[in-house]
Amino acid sequence: MVNVAYNIDCMEYMKTVPDKAFELAIVDPPYGINVNMNMGLRKGQKKKREQKNWDNSIPSAEYFKELFRVSQNQIIWGGG
C-alpha cells in the first residue's frame, strides 16, 4: 500500500483518474454557510481571526459527478 499526498486542485486531479479508481472517498467540501470566524466574541473584543472565504459557496454539480465517477463509495461530511 502506498500513501501519496498531492497538492493540486481536486477537480484537476479527478479528471486524470479512471472510473471507480478508489474504493472509498472521504470528503469535507465547503458547506456554503459563510462561516463567521469571529463568532462568539464579546462586545468590544478584538477580532482574533481574519475572515476567510473558503466556505462561501457550495461545490458544483460537476464536483459531485466527478467524485461519484472516481470512487465506489463516498462519505461526505457537511451541513445539510
PDB file of N, CA and C in Angstrom:
ATOM      1  N   MET A   1       0.847  -1.175   0.000  1.00  0.00           N
ATOM      2  CA  MET A   1       0.000   0.000   0.000  1.00  0.00           C
ATOM      3  C   MET A   1       0.894   1.241   0.000  1.00  0.00           C
ATOM      4  N   VAL A   2       0.537   2.195  -0.834  1.00  0.00           N
ATOM      5  CA  VAL A   2       1.315   3.422  -0.946  1.00  0.00           C
ATOM      6  C   VAL A   2       0.429   4.601  -0.569  1.00  0.00           C
ATOM      7  N   ASN A   3       0.944   5.451   0.309  1.00  0.00           N
ATOM      8  CA  ASN A   3       0.242   6.680   0.674  1.00  0.00           C
ATOM      9  C   ASN A   3       0.916   7.840  -0.038  1.00  0.00           C
ATOM     10  N   VAL A   4       0.133   8.595  -0.770  1.00  0.00           N
ATOM     11  CA  VAL A   4       0.663   9.727  -1.512  1.00  0.00           C
ATOM     12  C   VAL A   4      -0.249  10.920  -1.280  1.00  0.00           C
ATOM     13  N   ALA A   5       0.340  12.079  -1.086  1.00  0.00           N
ATOM     14  CA  ALA A   5      -0.431  13.321  -0.948  1.00  0.00           C
ATOM     15  C   ALA A   5      -0.095  14.220  -2.132  1.00  0.00           C
ATOM     16  N   TYR A   6      -1.120  14.789  -2.729  1.00  0.00           N
ATOM     17  CA  TYR A   6      -0.950  15.695  -3.861  1.00  0.00           C
ATOM     18  C   TYR A   6      -1.417  17.087  -3.459  1.00  0.00           C
ATOM     19  N   ASN A   7      -0.657  18.101  -3.827  1.00  0.00           N
ATOM     20  CA  ASN A   7      -1.051  19.491  -3.607  1.00  0.00           C
ATOM     21  C   ASN A   7      -1.565  20.020  -4.943  1.00  0.00           C
ATOM     22  N   ILE A   8      -2.838  19.715  -5.241  1.00  0.00           N
ATOM     23  CA  ILE A   8      -3.420  20.052  -6.536  1.00  0.00           C
ATOM     24  C   ILE A   8      -4.918  20.267  -6.339  1.00  0.00           C
ATOM     25  N   ASP A   9      -5.504  21.063  -7.201  1.00  0.00           N
ATOM     26  CA  ASP A   9      -6.949  21.256  -7.190  1.00  0.00           C
ATOM     27  C   ASP A   9      -7.612  19.900  -7.433  1.00  0.00           C
ATOM     28  N   CYS A  10      -8.572  19.535  -6.594  1.00  0.00           N
ATOM     29  CA  CYS A  10      -9.180  18.203  -6.707  1.00  0.00           C
ATOM     30  C   CYS A  10      -9.876  17.992  -8.043  1.00  0.00           C
ATOM     31  N   MET A  11     -10.440  19.046  -8.621  1.00  0.00           N
ATOM     32  CA  MET A  11     -11.106  18.899  -9.918  1.00  0.00           C
ATOM     33  C   MET A  11     -10.101  18.564 -11.014  1.00  0.00           C
ATOM     34  N   GLU A  12      -8.938  19.194 -10.974  1.00  0.00           N
ATOM     35  CA  GLU A  12      -7.887  18.884 -11.952  1.00  0.00           C
ATOM     36  C   GLU A  12      -7.443  17.435 -11.792  1.00  0.00           C
ATOM     37  N   TYR A  13      -7.247  17.012 -10.544  1.00  0.00           N
ATOM     38  CA  TYR A  13      -6.769  15.653 -10.294  1.00  0.00           C
ATOM     39  C   TYR A  13      -7.805  14.605 -10.691  1.00  0.00           C
ATOM     40  N   MET A  14      -9.066  14.809 -10.296  1.00  0.00           N
ATOM     41  CA  MET A  14     -10.083  13.791 -10.576  1.00  0.00           C
ATOM     42  C   MET A  14     -10.258  13.552 -12.071  1.00  0.00           C
ATOM     43  N   LYS A  15     -10.015  14.568 -12.882  1.00  0.00           N
ATOM     44  CA  LYS A  15     -10.146  14.398 -14.335  1.00  0.00           C
ATOM     45  C   LYS A  15      -9.102  13.434 -14.894  1.00  0.00           C
ATOM     46  N   THR A  16      -8.018  13.204 -14.149  1.00  0.00           N
ATOM     47  CA  THR A  16      -6.959  12.300 -14.605  1.00  0.00           C
ATOM     48  C   THR A  16      -7.131  10.873 -14.087  1.00  0.00           C
ATOM     49  N   VAL A  17      -8.129  10.649 -13.250  1.00  0.00           N
ATOM     50  CA  VAL A  17      -8.316   9.361 -12.584  1.00  0.00           C
ATOM     51  C   VAL A  17      -9.363   8.525 -13.333  1.00  0.00           C
ATOM     52  N   PRO A  18      -9.095   7.224 -13.519  1.00  0.00           N
ATOM     53  CA  PRO A  18     -10.090   6.377 -14.190  1.00  0.00           C
ATOM     54  C   PRO A  18     -11.333   6.148 -13.326  1.00  0.00           C
ATOM     55  N   ASP A  19     -12.408   5.713 -13.950  1.00  0.00           N
ATOM     56  CA  ASP A  19     -13.656   5.421 -13.245  1.00  0.00           C
ATOM     57  C   ASP A  19     -13.425   4.414 -12.121  1.00  0.00           C
ATOM     58  N   LYS A  20     -14.056   4.671 -10.994  1.00  0.00           N
ATOM     59  CA  LYS A  20     -14.054   3.779  -9.819  1.00  0.00           C
ATOM     60  C   LYS A  20     -12.654   3.375  -9.377  1.00  0.00           C
ATOM     61  N   ALA A  21     -11.707   4.289  -9.475  1.00  0.00           N
ATOM     62  CA  ALA A  21     -10.317   4.010  -9.105  1.00  0.00           C
ATOM     63  C   ALA A  21     -10.139   3.848  -7.592  1.00  0.00           C
ATOM     64  N   PHE A  22     -11.019   4.463  -6.810  1.00  0.00           N
ATOM     65  CA  PHE A  22     -10.903   4.412  -5.350  1.00  0.00           C
ATOM     66  C   PHE A  22     -12.077   3.655  -4.753  1.00  0.00           C
ATOM     67  N   GLU A  23     -11.777   2.818  -3.759  1.00  0.00           N
ATOM     68  CA  GLU A  23     -12.850   2.103  -3.068  1.00  0.00           C
ATOM     69  C   GLU A  23     -13.673   3.060  -2.215  1.00  0.00           C
ATOM     70  N   LEU A  24     -13.014   4.058  -1.629  1.00  0.00           N
ATOM     71  CA  LEU A  24     -13.702   4.973  -0.726  1.00  0.00           C
ATOM     72  C   LEU A  24     -13.123   6.371  -0.838  1.00  0.00           C
ATOM     73  N   ALA A  25     -13.998   7.354  -0.932  1.00  0.00           N
ATOM     74  CA  ALA A  25     -13.596   8.766  -0.876  1.00  0.00           C
ATOM     75  C   ALA A  25     -14.249   9.373   0.360  1.00  0.00           C
ATOM     76  N   ILE A  26     -13.442   9.965   1.230  1.00  0.00           N
ATOM     77  CA  ILE A  26     -13.946  10.676   2.405  1.00  0.00           C
ATOM     78  C   ILE A  26     -13.645  12.141   2.175  1.00  0.00           C
ATOM     79  N   VAL A  27     -14.699  12.959   2.042  1.00  0.00           N
ATOM     80  CA  VAL A  27     -14.521  14.366   1.692  1.00  0.00           C
ATOM     81  C   VAL A  27     -15.249  15.279   2.670  1.00  0.00           C
ATOM     82  N   ASP A  28     -14.772  16.498   2.767  1.00  0.00           N
ATOM     83  CA  ASP A  28     -15.370  17.521   3.620  1.00  0.00           C
ATOM     84  C   ASP A  28     -15.414  18.819   2.821  1.00  0.00           C
ATOM     85  N   PRO A  29     -16.329  18.889   1.841  1.00  0.00           N
ATOM     86  CA  PRO A  29     -16.369  20.078   0.989  1.00  0.00           C
ATOM     87  C   PRO A  29     -16.922  21.290   1.743  1.00  0.00           C
ATOM     88  N   PRO A  30     -16.753  22.500   1.195  1.00  0.00           N
ATOM     89  CA  PRO A  30     -17.348  23.680   1.815  1.00  0.00           C
ATOM     90  C   PRO A  30     -18.867  23.526   1.886  1.00  0.00           C
ATOM     91  N   TYR A  31     -19.469  24.098   2.906  1.00  0.00           N
ATOM     92  CA  TYR A  31     -20.904  23.953   3.118  1.00  0.00           C
ATOM     93  C   TYR A  31     -21.717  25.116   2.557  1.00  0.00           C
ATOM     94  N   GLY A  32     -21.065  26.222   2.209  1.00  0.00           N
ATOM     95  CA  GLY A  32     -21.787  27.383   1.704  1.00  0.00           C
ATOM     96  C   GLY A  32     -22.573  28.112   2.765  1.00  0.00           C
ATOM     97  N   ILE A  33     -22.060  28.120   3.997  1.00  0.00           N
ATOM     98  CA  ILE A  33     -22.792  28.760   5.091  1.00  0.00           C
ATOM     99  C   ILE A  33     -22.160  30.072   5.546  1.00  0.00           C
ATOM    100  N   ASN A  34     -21.151  30.554   4.820  1.00  0.00           N
ATOM    101  CA  ASN A  34     -20.499  31.826   5.161  1.00  0.00           C
ATOM    102  C   ASN A  34     -20.113  31.884   6.636  1.00  0.00           C
ATOM    103  N   VAL A  35     -19.321  30.929   7.063  1.00  0.00           N
ATOM    104  CA  VAL A  35     -18.933  30.825   8.470  1.00  0.00           C
ATOM    105  C   VAL A  35     -18.284  32.123   8.966  1.00  0.00           C
ATOM    106  N   ASN A  36     -18.656  32.522  10.158  1.00  0.00           N
ATOM    107  CA  ASN A  36     -18.095  33.711  10.799  1.00  0.00           C
ATOM    108  C   ASN A  36     -16.957  33.259  11.715  1.00  0.00           C
ATOM    109  N   MET A  37     -15.741  33.567  11.323  1.00  0.00           N
ATOM    110  CA  MET A  37     -14.560  33.113  12.060  1.00  0.00           C
ATOM    111  C   MET A  37     -14.435  33.769  13.438  1.00  0.00           C
ATOM    112  N   ASN A  38     -15.197  34.835  13.700  1.00  0.00           N
ATOM    113  CA  ASN A  38     -15.111  35.544  14.976  1.00  0.00           C
ATOM    114  C   ASN A  38     -16.385  35.385  15.809  1.00  0.00           C
ATOM    115  N   MET A  39     -17.181  34.382  15.485  1.00  0.00           N
ATOM    116  CA  MET A  39     -18.410  34.138  16.220  1.00  0.00           C
ATOM    117  C   MET A  39     -18.088  33.880  17.689  1.00  0.00           C
ATOM    118  N   GLY A  40     -18.886  34.416  18.571  1.00  0.00           N
ATOM    119  CA  GLY A  40     -18.714  34.171  19.995  1.00  0.00           C
ATOM    120  C   GLY A  40     -17.890  35.214  20.722  1.00  0.00           C
ATOM    121  N   LEU A  41     -17.349  36.192  20.008  1.00  0.00           N
ATOM    122  CA  LEU A  41     -16.601  37.257  20.678  1.00  0.00           C
ATOM    123  C   LEU A  41     -17.560  38.143  21.462  1.00  0.00           C
ATOM    124  N   ARG A  42     -17.090  38.633  22.582  1.00  0.00           N
ATOM    125  CA  ARG A  42     -17.902  39.551  23.380  1.00  0.00           C
ATOM    126  C   ARG A  42     -17.792  40.954  22.820  1.00  0.00           C
ATOM    127  N   LYS A  43     -18.793  41.745  23.095  1.00  0.00           N
ATOM    128  CA  LYS A  43     -18.817  43.123  22.616  1.00  0.00           C
ATOM    129  C   LYS A  43     -17.556  43.844  23.068  1.00  0.00           C
ATOM    130  N   GLY A  44     -16.873  44.485  22.117  1.00  0.00           N
ATOM    131  CA  GLY A  44     -15.658  45.224  22.417  1.00  0.00           C
ATOM    132  C   GLY A  44     -14.379  44.413  22.259  1.00  0.00           C
ATOM    133  N   GLN A  45     -14.475  43.082  22.167  1.00  0.00           N
ATOM    134  CA  GLN A  45     -13.274  42.268  21.974  1.00  0.00           C
ATOM    135  C   GLN A  45     -12.755  42.446  20.560  1.00  0.00           C
ATOM    136  N   LYS A  46     -11.441  42.412  20.420  1.00  0.00           N
ATOM    137  CA  LYS A  46     -10.840  42.495  19.092  1.00  0.00           C
ATOM    138  C   LYS A  46     -11.052  41.191  18.346  1.00  0.00           C
ATOM    139  N   LYS A  47     -11.158  41.305  17.018  1.00  0.00           N
ATOM    140  CA  LYS A  47     -11.267  40.106  16.191  1.00  0.00           C
ATOM    141  C   LYS A  47      -9.977  39.309  16.316  1.00  0.00           C
ATOM    142  N   LYS A  48     -10.117  38.024  16.497  1.00  0.00           N
ATOM    143  CA  LYS A  48      -8.946  37.163  16.670  1.00  0.00           C
ATOM    144  C   LYS A  48      -8.526  36.492  15.372  1.00  0.00           C
ATOM    145  N   ARG A  49      -9.453  36.408  14.435  1.00  0.00           N
ATOM    146  CA  ARG A  49      -9.149  35.700  13.187  1.00  0.00           C
ATOM    147  C   ARG A  49      -9.568  36.543  11.997  1.00  0.00           C
ATOM    148  N   GLU A  50      -8.797  36.417  10.942  1.00  0.00           N
ATOM    149  CA  GLU A  50      -9.132  37.086   9.682  1.00  0.00           C
ATOM    150  C   GLU A  50     -10.275  36.319   9.016  1.00  0.00           C
ATOM    151  N   GLN A  51     -11.227  37.058   8.452  1.00  0.00           N
ATOM    152  CA  GLN A  51     -12.354  36.419   7.765  1.00  0.00           C
ATOM    153  C   GLN A  51     -11.850  35.690   6.512  1.00  0.00           C
ATOM    154  N   LYS A  52     -12.270  34.469   6.326  1.00  0.00           N
ATOM    155  CA  LYS A  52     -11.878  33.658   5.170  1.00  0.00           C
ATOM    156  C   LYS A  52     -13.087  33.446   4.270  1.00  0.00           C
ATOM    157  N   ASN A  53     -12.850  33.176   3.007  1.00  0.00           N
ATOM    158  CA  ASN A  53     -13.935  32.975   2.057  1.00  0.00           C
ATOM    159  C   ASN A  53     -14.071  31.533   1.591  1.00  0.00           C
ATOM    160  N   TRP A  54     -13.407  30.596   2.276  1.00  0.00           N
ATOM    161  CA  TRP A  54     -13.394  29.214   1.817  1.00  0.00           C
ATOM    162  C   TRP A  54     -14.774  28.553   1.893  1.00  0.00           C
ATOM    163  N   ASP A  55     -15.667  29.107   2.691  1.00  0.00           N
ATOM    164  CA  ASP A  55     -16.950  28.457   2.914  1.00  0.00           C
ATOM    165  C   ASP A  55     -18.124  29.257   2.358  1.00  0.00           C
ATOM    166  N   ASN A  56     -17.867  30.133   1.394  1.00  0.00           N
ATOM    167  CA  ASN A  56     -18.929  30.995   0.888  1.00  0.00           C
ATOM    168  C   ASN A  56     -19.833  30.344  -0.147  1.00  0.00           C
ATOM    169  N   SER A  57     -19.387  29.275  -0.783  1.00  0.00           N
ATOM    170  CA  SER A  57     -20.232  28.652  -1.810  1.00  0.00           C
ATOM    171  C   SER A  57     -20.132  27.136  -1.711  1.00  0.00           C
ATOM    172  N   ILE A  58     -21.159  26.475  -2.208  1.00  0.00           N
ATOM    173  CA  ILE A  58     -21.180  25.017  -2.197  1.00  0.00           C
ATOM    174  C   ILE A  58     -20.479  24.484  -3.442  1.00  0.00           C
ATOM    175  N   PRO A  59     -19.999  23.239  -3.411  1.00  0.00           N
ATOM    176  CA  PRO A  59     -19.375  22.660  -4.593  1.00  0.00           C
ATOM    177  C   PRO A  59     -20.388  22.538  -5.743  1.00  0.00           C
ATOM    178  N   SER A  60     -19.884  22.558  -6.940  1.00  0.00           N
ATOM    179  CA  SER A  60     -20.736  22.464  -8.127  1.00  0.00           C
ATOM    180  C   SER A  60     -21.236  21.031  -8.329  1.00  0.00           C
ATOM    181  N   ALA A  61     -22.232  20.887  -9.175  1.00  0.00           N
ATOM    182  CA  ALA A  61     -22.728  19.561  -9.542  1.00  0.00           C
ATOM    183  C   ALA A  61     -21.616  18.754 -10.209  1.00  0.00           C
ATOM    184  N   GLU A  62     -20.739  19.442 -10.947  1.00  0.00           N
ATOM    185  CA  GLU A  62     -19.615  18.766 -11.605  1.00  0.00           C
ATOM    186  C   GLU A  62     -18.695  18.109 -10.579  1.00  0.00           C
ATOM    187  N   TYR A  63     -18.487  18.761  -9.431  1.00  0.00           N
ATOM    188  CA  TYR A  63     -17.652  18.195  -8.360  1.00  0.00           C
ATOM    189  C   TYR A  63     -18.208  16.835  -7.927  1.00  0.00           C
ATOM    190  N   PHE A  64     -19.522  16.790  -7.635  1.00  0.00           N
ATOM    191  CA  PHE A  64     -20.118  15.543  -7.167  1.00  0.00           C
ATOM    192  C   PHE A  64     -20.153  14.490  -8.272  1.00  0.00           C
ATOM    193  N   LYS A  65     -20.361  14.904  -9.498  1.00  0.00           N
ATOM    194  CA  LYS A  65     -20.347  13.972 -10.630  1.00  0.00           C
ATOM    195  C   LYS A  65     -18.979  13.291 -10.734  1.00  0.00           C
ATOM    196  N   GLU A  66     -17.912  14.078 -10.637  1.00  0.00           N
ATOM    197  CA  GLU A  66     -16.549  13.515 -10.696  1.00  0.00           C
ATOM    198  C   GLU A  66     -16.259  12.653  -9.477  1.00  0.00           C
ATOM    199  N   LEU A  67     -16.678  13.101  -8.298  1.00  0.00           N
ATOM    200  CA  LEU A  67     -16.461  12.326  -7.071  1.00  0.00           C
ATOM    201  C   LEU A  67     -17.105  10.952  -7.186  1.00  0.00           C
ATOM    202  N   PHE A  68     -18.355  10.891  -7.632  1.00  0.00           N
ATOM    203  CA  PHE A  68     -19.053   9.611  -7.773  1.00  0.00           C
ATOM    204  C   PHE A  68     -18.458   8.767  -8.894  1.00  0.00           C
ATOM    205  N   ARG A  69     -17.890   9.405  -9.899  1.00  0.00           N
ATOM    206  CA  ARG A  69     -17.264   8.676 -11.002  1.00  0.00           C
ATOM    207  C   ARG A  69     -15.988   7.984 -10.553  1.00  0.00           C
ATOM    208  N   VAL A  70     -15.147   8.662  -9.781  1.00  0.00           N
ATOM    209  CA  VAL A  70     -13.832   8.114  -9.429  1.00  0.00           C
ATOM    210  C   VAL A  70     -13.843   7.213  -8.198  1.00  0.00           C
ATOM    211  N   SER A  71     -14.952   7.204  -7.443  1.00  0.00           N
ATOM    212  CA  SER A  71     -14.982   6.408  -6.215  1.00  0.00           C
ATOM    213  C   SER A  71     -16.182   5.469  -6.187  1.00  0.00           C
ATOM    214  N   GLN A  72     -15.959   4.301  -5.595  1.00  0.00           N
ATOM    215  CA  GLN A  72     -17.018   3.297  -5.479  1.00  0.00           C
ATOM    216  C   GLN A  72     -17.977   3.638  -4.350  1.00  0.00           C
ATOM    217  N   ASN A  73     -17.454   4.210  -3.271  1.00  0.00           N
ATOM    218  CA  ASN A  73     -18.226   4.598  -2.092  1.00  0.00           C
ATOM    219  C   ASN A  73     -17.773   5.962  -1.632  1.00  0.00           C
ATOM    220  N   GLN A  74     -18.670   6.693  -0.962  1.00  0.00           N
ATOM    221  CA  GLN A  74     -18.348   8.036  -0.533  1.00  0.00           C
ATOM    222  C   GLN A  74     -18.875   8.283   0.877  1.00  0.00           C
ATOM    223  N   ILE A  75     -18.087   9.010   1.663  1.00  0.00           N
ATOM    224  CA  ILE A  75     -18.538   9.584   2.924  1.00  0.00           C
ATOM    225  C   ILE A  75     -18.348  11.087   2.745  1.00  0.00           C
ATOM    226  N   ILE A  76     -19.457  11.826   2.789  1.00  0.00           N
ATOM    227  CA  ILE A  76     -19.411  13.256   2.564  1.00  0.00           C
ATOM    228  C   ILE A  76     -19.853  13.961   3.841  1.00  0.00           C
ATOM    229  N   TRP A  77     -18.918  14.624   4.501  1.00  0.00           N
ATOM    230  CA  TRP A  77     -19.240  15.397   5.699  1.00  0.00           C
ATOM    231  C   TRP A  77     -19.794  16.730   5.250  1.00  0.00           C
ATOM    232  N   GLY A  78     -20.688  17.286   5.997  1.00  0.00           N
ATOM    233  CA  GLY A  78     -21.170  18.608   5.626  1.00  0.00           C
ATOM    234  C   GLY A  78     -22.502  18.947   6.249  1.00  0.00           C
ATOM    235  N   GLY A  79     -22.880  20.201   6.073  1.00  0.00           N
ATOM    236  CA  GLY A  79     -24.175  20.673   6.557  1.00  0.00           C
ATOM    237  C   GLY A  79     -25.249  20.319   5.566  1.00  0.00           C
ATOM    238  N   GLY A  80     -26.425  20.191   6.039  1.00  0.00           N
ATOM    239  CA  GLY A  80     -27.458  19.840   5.103  1.00  0.00           C
ATOM    240  C   GLY A  80     -28.831  20.239   5.500  1.00  0.00           C
TER     241      GLY A  80
END
